[in-house]
């Protein structure tokens, strides 16, 4: 009698654990002014929450760190480029003698900034895909396996981790 109760208990426990696993996939969308927005279970996340979630997947975390570095570099080039464009324009508006070479250099830096920002978006999408693939393939899930065998003494259950 105890064996039957124990068997039913483990059977119910394994069924509950199979149905209780939910996938918390991340989703990336383009937001206002072409910003990258992250969602998980229809909840909007910021970059720090996404980084914390991705700590469980080394590959996705490294790609996301690289994406963050790219974004910082894009902002740097964008700000410097904007200043170099704005300074000659301001000088021209005040009827001074503008240095248009600075504006040309600023325009080049702004173009570099756009290119790096595009790289950032590609890296973010790659990191999210790696993270979601890891969830779907069971990379991050418990790999417990239950096997039932018929022996000379009755039914046996083997639990593998």
N, C-alpha and C. Protein backbone atom coordinates (compact mmCIF):
# COMPACT_ATOMS: atom_id res chain seq x y z
N UNK A 1 0.83 -1.19 0.00
CA UNK A 1 0.00 0.00 0.00
C UNK A 1 0.87 1.25 0.00
N UNK A 2 1.96 1.21 0.79
CA UNK A 2 2.85 2.37 0.85
C UNK A 2 3.51 2.62 -0.51
N UNK A 3 3.83 1.53 -1.21
CA UNK A 3 4.46 1.68 -2.52
C UNK A 3 3.53 2.36 -3.51
N UNK A 4 2.27 2.02 -3.47
CA UNK A 4 1.30 2.62 -4.38
C UNK A 4 1.12 4.10 -4.08
N UNK A 5 1.03 4.45 -2.82
CA UNK A 5 0.89 5.85 -2.43
C UNK A 5 2.13 6.64 -2.82
N UNK A 6 3.30 6.06 -2.57
CA UNK A 6 4.55 6.72 -2.94
C UNK A 6 4.66 6.88 -4.45
N UNK A 7 4.25 5.87 -5.19
CA UNK A 7 4.26 5.94 -6.65
C UNK A 7 3.34 7.06 -7.14
N UNK A 8 2.13 7.14 -6.61
CA UNK A 8 1.18 8.18 -7.01
C UNK A 8 1.71 9.57 -6.64
N UNK A 9 2.36 9.67 -5.49
CA UNK A 9 2.91 10.96 -5.07
C UNK A 9 3.97 11.45 -6.06
N UNK A 10 4.90 10.59 -6.42
CA UNK A 10 5.95 10.98 -7.37
C UNK A 10 5.39 11.23 -8.77
N UNK A 11 4.37 10.49 -9.15
CA UNK A 11 3.75 10.71 -10.44
C UNK A 11 3.08 12.09 -10.50
N UNK A 12 2.34 12.42 -9.46
CA UNK A 12 1.68 13.74 -9.40
C UNK A 12 2.72 14.84 -9.32
N UNK A 13 3.77 14.64 -8.54
CA UNK A 13 4.83 15.64 -8.41
C UNK A 13 5.51 15.90 -9.75
N UNK A 14 5.77 14.85 -10.52
CA UNK A 14 6.42 15.05 -11.83
C UNK A 14 5.48 15.74 -12.81
N UNK A 15 4.20 15.46 -12.75
CA UNK A 15 3.24 16.12 -13.64
C UNK A 15 3.13 17.60 -13.29
N UNK A 16 3.09 17.92 -12.00
CA UNK A 16 3.00 19.31 -11.57
C UNK A 16 4.23 20.08 -12.00
N UNK A 17 5.41 19.49 -11.86
CA UNK A 17 6.63 20.20 -12.23
C UNK A 17 6.71 20.43 -13.74
N UNK A 18 6.15 19.53 -14.56
CA UNK A 18 6.16 19.72 -16.00
C UNK A 18 5.25 20.87 -16.39
N UNK A 19 4.08 20.95 -15.80
CA UNK A 19 3.13 21.99 -16.17
C UNK A 19 3.40 23.32 -15.51
N UNK A 20 4.22 23.36 -14.49
CA UNK A 20 4.47 24.62 -13.80
C UNK A 20 5.59 25.42 -14.43
N UNK A 21 6.32 24.85 -15.38
CA UNK A 21 7.41 25.57 -16.01
C UNK A 21 6.86 26.53 -17.06
N UNK A 22 7.12 27.80 -16.86
CA UNK A 22 6.69 28.81 -17.82
C UNK A 22 7.92 29.41 -18.47
N UNK A 23 7.78 29.76 -19.72
CA UNK A 23 8.90 30.40 -20.40
C UNK A 23 8.78 31.90 -20.26
N UNK A 24 9.82 32.52 -19.83
CA UNK A 24 9.86 33.96 -19.64
C UNK A 24 10.70 34.57 -20.75
N UNK A 25 10.22 34.43 -21.97
CA UNK A 25 10.99 34.93 -23.10
C UNK A 25 11.00 36.46 -23.11
N UNK A 26 12.08 36.99 -23.62
CA UNK A 26 12.22 38.44 -23.79
C UNK A 26 11.79 38.82 -25.20
N UNK A 27 11.29 40.03 -25.34
CA UNK A 27 10.89 40.54 -26.63
C UNK A 27 11.50 41.92 -26.82
N UNK A 28 12.00 42.21 -28.01
CA UNK A 28 12.62 43.50 -28.34
C UNK A 28 11.74 44.19 -29.37
N UNK A 29 11.44 45.45 -29.12
CA UNK A 29 10.66 46.24 -30.06
C UNK A 29 11.31 47.60 -30.22
N UNK A 30 11.03 48.24 -31.35
CA UNK A 30 11.49 49.60 -31.57
C UNK A 30 10.45 50.55 -31.01
N UNK A 31 10.90 51.45 -30.16
CA UNK A 31 9.99 52.38 -29.51
C UNK A 31 10.01 53.75 -30.16
N UNK A 32 9.68 54.75 -29.38
CA UNK A 32 9.65 56.13 -29.85
C UNK A 32 11.06 56.56 -30.25
N UNK A 33 11.17 57.28 -31.34
CA UNK A 33 12.44 57.76 -31.88
C UNK A 33 13.43 56.63 -32.09
N UNK A 34 12.91 55.48 -32.50
CA UNK A 34 13.75 54.32 -32.85
C UNK A 34 14.56 53.79 -31.67
N UNK A 35 14.03 53.95 -30.47
CA UNK A 35 14.68 53.37 -29.29
C UNK A 35 14.36 51.90 -29.18
N UNK A 36 15.21 51.18 -28.48
CA UNK A 36 15.00 49.75 -28.25
C UNK A 36 14.27 49.59 -26.92
N UNK A 37 13.16 48.84 -26.94
CA UNK A 37 12.39 48.58 -25.73
C UNK A 37 12.32 47.08 -25.50
N UNK A 38 12.41 46.68 -24.23
CA UNK A 38 12.41 45.28 -23.85
C UNK A 38 11.11 44.96 -23.11
N UNK A 39 10.55 43.77 -23.40
CA UNK A 39 9.34 43.31 -22.74
C UNK A 39 9.52 41.87 -22.32
N UNK A 40 8.97 41.54 -21.14
CA UNK A 40 8.91 40.16 -20.68
C UNK A 40 7.55 39.98 -20.03
N UNK A 41 6.76 39.06 -20.54
CA UNK A 41 5.39 38.83 -20.09
C UNK A 41 4.58 40.13 -20.13
N UNK A 42 4.71 40.87 -21.21
CA UNK A 42 4.01 42.15 -21.45
C UNK A 42 4.37 43.23 -20.44
N UNK A 43 5.47 43.09 -19.74
CA UNK A 43 5.95 44.11 -18.81
C UNK A 43 7.18 44.76 -19.43
N UNK A 44 7.19 46.09 -19.49
CA UNK A 44 8.32 46.81 -20.06
C UNK A 44 9.48 46.80 -19.06
N UNK A 45 10.68 46.46 -19.56
CA UNK A 45 11.87 46.38 -18.73
C UNK A 45 12.89 47.41 -19.18
N UNK A 46 13.72 47.86 -18.24
CA UNK A 46 14.83 48.73 -18.62
C UNK A 46 16.07 47.85 -18.85
N UNK A 47 17.12 48.48 -19.32
CA UNK A 47 18.33 47.73 -19.70
C UNK A 47 18.97 47.02 -18.50
N UNK A 48 18.87 47.61 -17.31
CA UNK A 48 19.48 46.99 -16.14
C UNK A 48 18.72 45.74 -15.70
N UNK A 49 17.40 45.76 -15.83
CA UNK A 49 16.62 44.57 -15.52
C UNK A 49 16.91 43.46 -16.52
N UNK A 50 17.06 43.82 -17.78
CA UNK A 50 17.38 42.82 -18.81
C UNK A 50 18.75 42.21 -18.55
N UNK A 51 19.71 43.04 -18.19
CA UNK A 51 21.05 42.53 -17.88
C UNK A 51 20.99 41.56 -16.70
N UNK A 52 20.20 41.88 -15.70
CA UNK A 52 20.08 41.00 -14.53
C UNK A 52 19.43 39.67 -14.92
N UNK A 53 18.43 39.72 -15.79
CA UNK A 53 17.77 38.50 -16.25
C UNK A 53 18.74 37.64 -17.07
N UNK A 54 19.57 38.28 -17.89
CA UNK A 54 20.47 37.54 -18.78
C UNK A 54 21.71 37.00 -18.09
N UNK A 55 21.89 37.28 -16.82
CA UNK A 55 23.07 36.76 -16.11
C UNK A 55 23.10 35.24 -16.09
N UNK A 56 21.94 34.60 -16.27
CA UNK A 56 21.89 33.13 -16.24
C UNK A 56 22.39 32.50 -17.54
N UNK A 57 22.50 33.29 -18.60
CA UNK A 57 22.96 32.79 -19.89
C UNK A 57 24.23 33.56 -20.26
N UNK A 58 25.38 32.92 -20.14
CA UNK A 58 26.67 33.59 -20.32
C UNK A 58 26.83 34.21 -21.71
N UNK A 59 26.44 33.50 -22.74
CA UNK A 59 26.63 34.00 -24.10
C UNK A 59 25.78 35.25 -24.32
N UNK A 60 24.51 35.18 -23.95
CA UNK A 60 23.62 36.33 -24.13
C UNK A 60 24.09 37.52 -23.30
N UNK A 61 24.58 37.25 -22.09
CA UNK A 61 25.05 38.32 -21.21
C UNK A 61 26.26 39.03 -21.82
N UNK A 62 27.20 38.26 -22.37
CA UNK A 62 28.39 38.87 -22.98
C UNK A 62 28.03 39.70 -24.21
N UNK A 63 27.11 39.20 -25.01
CA UNK A 63 26.69 39.96 -26.19
C UNK A 63 25.99 41.24 -25.77
N UNK A 64 25.17 41.15 -24.72
CA UNK A 64 24.45 42.34 -24.25
C UNK A 64 25.42 43.37 -23.66
N UNK A 65 26.46 42.91 -22.97
CA UNK A 65 27.49 43.83 -22.45
C UNK A 65 28.18 44.54 -23.61
N UNK A 66 28.49 43.80 -24.66
CA UNK A 66 29.11 44.39 -25.85
C UNK A 66 28.17 45.41 -26.49
N UNK A 67 26.88 45.10 -26.49
CA UNK A 67 25.90 46.04 -27.05
C UNK A 67 25.85 47.32 -26.22
N UNK A 68 25.92 47.19 -24.91
CA UNK A 68 25.92 48.38 -24.05
C UNK A 68 27.15 49.24 -24.32
N UNK A 69 28.30 48.62 -24.50
CA UNK A 69 29.51 49.37 -24.82
C UNK A 69 29.37 50.09 -26.16
N UNK A 70 28.75 49.42 -27.13
CA UNK A 70 28.53 50.05 -28.44
C UNK A 70 27.61 51.25 -28.32
N UNK A 71 26.59 51.14 -27.48
CA UNK A 71 25.66 52.26 -27.31
C UNK A 71 26.36 53.46 -26.69
N UNK A 72 27.22 53.22 -25.70
CA UNK A 72 27.98 54.31 -25.10
C UNK A 72 28.88 55.00 -26.11
N UNK A 73 29.52 54.21 -26.94
CA UNK A 73 30.38 54.76 -27.99
C UNK A 73 29.57 55.56 -29.02
N UNK A 74 28.39 55.06 -29.36
CA UNK A 74 27.52 55.77 -30.31
C UNK A 74 27.08 57.11 -29.73
N UNK A 75 26.73 57.13 -28.45
CA UNK A 75 26.35 58.40 -27.81
C UNK A 75 27.52 59.38 -27.79
N UNK A 76 28.71 58.86 -27.51
CA UNK A 76 29.90 59.72 -27.47
C UNK A 76 30.13 60.39 -28.82
N UNK A 77 30.15 59.58 -29.89
CA UNK A 77 30.37 60.14 -31.23
C UNK A 77 29.22 61.06 -31.64
N UNK A 78 28.01 60.73 -31.26
CA UNK A 78 26.86 61.56 -31.60
C UNK A 78 26.91 62.93 -30.93
N UNK A 79 27.28 62.94 -29.65
CA UNK A 79 27.36 64.22 -28.93
C UNK A 79 28.48 65.09 -29.48
N UNK A 80 29.65 64.50 -29.67
CA UNK A 80 30.78 65.27 -30.21
C UNK A 80 30.45 65.76 -31.63
N UNK A 81 29.86 64.89 -32.45
CA UNK A 81 29.47 65.29 -33.80
C UNK A 81 28.45 66.41 -33.79
N UNK A 82 27.47 66.33 -32.91
CA UNK A 82 26.47 67.39 -32.81
C UNK A 82 27.06 68.72 -32.39
N UNK A 83 28.01 68.67 -31.46
CA UNK A 83 28.68 69.91 -31.04
C UNK A 83 29.50 70.51 -32.18
N UNK A 84 30.19 69.65 -32.91
CA UNK A 84 31.00 70.15 -34.02
C UNK A 84 30.14 70.69 -35.17
N UNK A 85 28.95 70.19 -35.31
CA UNK A 85 28.03 70.75 -36.31
C UNK A 85 27.42 72.05 -35.80
N UNK A 86 27.04 72.03 -34.53
CA UNK A 86 26.35 73.19 -33.95
C UNK A 86 27.21 74.43 -33.79
N UNK A 87 28.48 74.25 -33.49
CA UNK A 87 29.34 75.41 -33.27
C UNK A 87 29.46 76.29 -34.52
N UNK A 88 29.77 75.75 -35.70
CA UNK A 88 29.82 76.59 -36.90
C UNK A 88 28.44 77.18 -37.27
N UNK A 89 27.37 76.42 -37.03
CA UNK A 89 26.04 76.96 -37.31
C UNK A 89 25.73 78.16 -36.40
N UNK A 90 26.09 78.03 -35.14
CA UNK A 90 25.90 79.16 -34.21
C UNK A 90 26.73 80.36 -34.61
N UNK A 91 27.93 80.10 -35.04
CA UNK A 91 28.80 81.19 -35.49
C UNK A 91 28.21 81.86 -36.73
N UNK A 92 27.67 81.08 -37.65
CA UNK A 92 27.07 81.63 -38.87
C UNK A 92 25.83 82.46 -38.54
N UNK A 93 25.05 82.04 -37.55
CA UNK A 93 23.85 82.78 -37.18
C UNK A 93 24.17 84.12 -36.52
N UNK A 94 25.30 84.18 -35.86
CA UNK A 94 25.70 85.44 -35.22
C UNK A 94 26.55 86.30 -36.15
N UNK A 95 26.51 85.98 -37.42
CA UNK A 95 27.22 86.72 -38.47
C UNK A 95 28.73 86.74 -38.29
N UNK A 96 29.23 85.63 -37.78
CA UNK A 96 30.68 85.49 -37.65
C UNK A 96 31.23 84.74 -38.85
N UNK A 97 32.47 84.34 -38.76
CA UNK A 97 33.13 83.60 -39.82
C UNK A 97 33.19 82.13 -39.40
N UNK A 98 32.23 81.27 -39.83
CA UNK A 98 32.20 79.88 -39.37
C UNK A 98 33.29 79.03 -40.03
N UNK A 99 33.74 78.05 -39.30
CA UNK A 99 34.70 77.07 -39.81
C UNK A 99 33.90 75.85 -40.25
N UNK A 100 33.62 75.74 -41.54
CA UNK A 100 32.77 74.68 -42.05
C UNK A 100 33.48 73.33 -42.04
N UNK A 101 34.78 73.32 -41.87
CA UNK A 101 35.49 72.04 -41.76
C UNK A 101 35.08 71.32 -40.47
N UNK A 102 34.83 72.11 -39.42
CA UNK A 102 34.35 71.50 -38.16
C UNK A 102 32.99 70.85 -38.37
N UNK A 103 32.13 71.51 -39.12
CA UNK A 103 30.81 70.94 -39.40
C UNK A 103 30.92 69.66 -40.21
N UNK A 104 31.86 69.63 -41.16
CA UNK A 104 32.06 68.42 -41.96
C UNK A 104 32.56 67.26 -41.09
N UNK A 105 33.50 67.57 -40.19
CA UNK A 105 34.00 66.53 -39.27
C UNK A 105 32.87 66.07 -38.35
N UNK A 106 32.06 67.02 -37.88
CA UNK A 106 30.91 66.67 -37.03
C UNK A 106 29.91 65.80 -37.76
N UNK A 107 29.68 66.09 -39.02
CA UNK A 107 28.78 65.26 -39.82
C UNK A 107 29.32 63.85 -39.98
N UNK A 108 30.62 63.74 -40.16
CA UNK A 108 31.24 62.40 -40.25
C UNK A 108 31.10 61.63 -38.95
N UNK A 109 31.30 62.32 -37.84
CA UNK A 109 31.15 61.65 -36.53
C UNK A 109 29.70 61.24 -36.29
N UNK A 110 28.77 62.07 -36.74
CA UNK A 110 27.35 61.72 -36.59
C UNK A 110 27.02 60.48 -37.41
N UNK A 111 27.57 60.39 -38.62
CA UNK A 111 27.34 59.19 -39.44
C UNK A 111 27.94 57.95 -38.79
N UNK A 112 29.11 58.10 -38.20
CA UNK A 112 29.73 56.98 -37.47
C UNK A 112 28.83 56.56 -36.30
N UNK A 113 28.26 57.56 -35.63
CA UNK A 113 27.36 57.29 -34.52
C UNK A 113 26.15 56.48 -34.96
N UNK A 114 25.57 56.82 -36.11
CA UNK A 114 24.41 56.07 -36.63
C UNK A 114 24.79 54.63 -36.93
N UNK A 115 25.96 54.44 -37.49
CA UNK A 115 26.42 53.09 -37.82
C UNK A 115 26.61 52.26 -36.55
N UNK A 116 27.20 52.85 -35.53
CA UNK A 116 27.42 52.12 -34.27
C UNK A 116 26.09 51.82 -33.60
N UNK A 117 25.14 52.74 -33.69
CA UNK A 117 23.82 52.52 -33.09
C UNK A 117 23.12 51.34 -33.78
N UNK A 118 23.30 51.22 -35.09
CA UNK A 118 22.73 50.08 -35.82
C UNK A 118 23.35 48.77 -35.33
N UNK A 119 24.66 48.80 -35.10
CA UNK A 119 25.36 47.63 -34.56
C UNK A 119 24.81 47.27 -33.17
N UNK A 120 24.53 48.28 -32.37
CA UNK A 120 23.95 48.06 -31.04
C UNK A 120 22.63 47.30 -31.15
N UNK A 121 21.77 47.73 -32.05
CA UNK A 121 20.46 47.09 -32.21
C UNK A 121 20.61 45.63 -32.65
N UNK A 122 21.55 45.37 -33.55
CA UNK A 122 21.76 44.00 -34.01
C UNK A 122 22.27 43.13 -32.86
N UNK A 123 23.18 43.67 -32.05
CA UNK A 123 23.71 42.91 -30.92
C UNK A 123 22.62 42.62 -29.89
N UNK A 124 21.75 43.60 -29.65
CA UNK A 124 20.66 43.40 -28.69
C UNK A 124 19.74 42.29 -29.17
N UNK A 125 19.38 42.32 -30.43
CA UNK A 125 18.50 41.27 -30.97
C UNK A 125 19.18 39.90 -30.91
N UNK A 126 20.48 39.86 -31.18
CA UNK A 126 21.21 38.59 -31.10
C UNK A 126 21.24 38.08 -29.67
N UNK A 127 21.49 38.96 -28.70
CA UNK A 127 21.53 38.55 -27.30
C UNK A 127 20.17 38.03 -26.84
N UNK A 128 19.11 38.70 -27.22
CA UNK A 128 17.77 38.25 -26.83
C UNK A 128 17.45 36.91 -27.49
N UNK A 129 17.85 36.73 -28.74
CA UNK A 129 17.63 35.44 -29.40
C UNK A 129 18.39 34.32 -28.71
N UNK A 130 19.64 34.57 -28.31
CA UNK A 130 20.41 33.56 -27.58
C UNK A 130 19.74 33.23 -26.25
N UNK A 131 19.27 34.26 -25.56
CA UNK A 131 18.61 34.03 -24.28
C UNK A 131 17.34 33.19 -24.46
N UNK A 132 16.51 33.57 -25.43
CA UNK A 132 15.26 32.84 -25.66
C UNK A 132 15.51 31.42 -26.16
N UNK A 133 16.55 31.23 -26.97
CA UNK A 133 16.90 29.89 -27.43
C UNK A 133 17.34 29.02 -26.26
N UNK A 134 18.08 29.61 -25.33
CA UNK A 134 18.49 28.87 -24.13
C UNK A 134 17.31 28.44 -23.30
N UNK A 135 16.26 29.26 -23.25
CA UNK A 135 15.05 28.89 -22.51
C UNK A 135 14.32 27.75 -23.19
N UNK A 136 14.24 27.82 -24.52
CA UNK A 136 13.46 26.83 -25.26
C UNK A 136 14.14 25.48 -25.33
N UNK A 137 15.46 25.44 -25.35
CA UNK A 137 16.16 24.16 -25.48
C UNK A 137 16.40 23.49 -24.14
N UNK A 138 16.04 24.16 -23.06
CA UNK A 138 16.24 23.56 -21.76
C UNK A 138 17.61 23.81 -21.20
N UNK A 139 18.36 24.75 -21.78
CA UNK A 139 19.70 25.05 -21.29
C UNK A 139 19.65 25.51 -19.83
N UNK A 140 18.60 26.23 -19.50
CA UNK A 140 18.50 26.79 -18.16
C UNK A 140 17.49 26.05 -17.30
N UNK A 141 16.86 25.02 -17.82
CA UNK A 141 15.83 24.32 -17.08
C UNK A 141 16.42 23.13 -16.35
N UNK A 142 15.67 22.66 -15.38
CA UNK A 142 16.06 21.49 -14.62
C UNK A 142 16.00 20.26 -15.53
N UNK A 143 17.04 19.45 -15.52
CA UNK A 143 17.10 18.28 -16.40
C UNK A 143 16.84 17.00 -15.61
N UNK A 144 15.80 17.00 -14.81
CA UNK A 144 15.43 15.83 -14.04
C UNK A 144 14.64 14.88 -14.93
N UNK A 145 14.94 13.58 -14.80
CA UNK A 145 14.28 12.58 -15.63
C UNK A 145 13.78 11.45 -14.73
N UNK A 146 12.53 11.06 -14.94
CA UNK A 146 11.93 9.98 -14.16
C UNK A 146 11.70 8.79 -15.07
N UNK A 147 12.20 7.61 -14.68
CA UNK A 147 12.00 6.38 -15.44
C UNK A 147 11.35 5.34 -14.53
N UNK A 148 10.43 4.58 -15.08
CA UNK A 148 9.77 3.51 -14.35
C UNK A 148 10.17 2.18 -14.97
N UNK A 149 10.48 1.22 -14.11
CA UNK A 149 10.90 -0.10 -14.56
C UNK A 149 10.08 -1.17 -13.86
N UNK A 150 9.89 -2.28 -14.56
CA UNK A 150 9.24 -3.43 -13.94
C UNK A 150 10.34 -4.41 -13.54
N UNK A 151 10.37 -4.75 -12.28
CA UNK A 151 11.38 -5.67 -11.76
C UNK A 151 10.69 -6.90 -11.18
N UNK A 152 11.48 -7.82 -10.68
CA UNK A 152 10.91 -9.02 -10.09
C UNK A 152 10.17 -8.70 -8.78
N UNK A 153 10.51 -7.61 -8.13
CA UNK A 153 9.86 -7.23 -6.88
C UNK A 153 8.66 -6.31 -7.10
N UNK A 154 8.43 -5.87 -8.31
CA UNK A 154 7.31 -4.97 -8.59
C UNK A 154 7.76 -3.86 -9.52
N UNK A 155 7.22 -2.68 -9.32
CA UNK A 155 7.53 -1.54 -10.17
C UNK A 155 8.60 -0.71 -9.46
N UNK A 156 9.61 -0.28 -10.22
CA UNK A 156 10.69 0.54 -9.66
C UNK A 156 10.70 1.88 -10.39
N UNK A 157 11.11 2.88 -9.67
CA UNK A 157 11.20 4.22 -10.23
C UNK A 157 12.65 4.71 -10.07
N UNK A 158 13.24 5.24 -11.16
CA UNK A 158 14.58 5.79 -11.11
C UNK A 158 14.49 7.28 -11.43
N UNK A 159 15.08 8.09 -10.57
CA UNK A 159 15.07 9.53 -10.72
C UNK A 159 16.49 9.97 -11.06
N UNK A 160 16.68 10.53 -12.26
CA UNK A 160 18.00 10.97 -12.71
C UNK A 160 18.06 12.49 -12.70
N UNK A 161 19.22 13.02 -12.29
CA UNK A 161 19.41 14.48 -12.26
C UNK A 161 20.36 14.90 -13.34
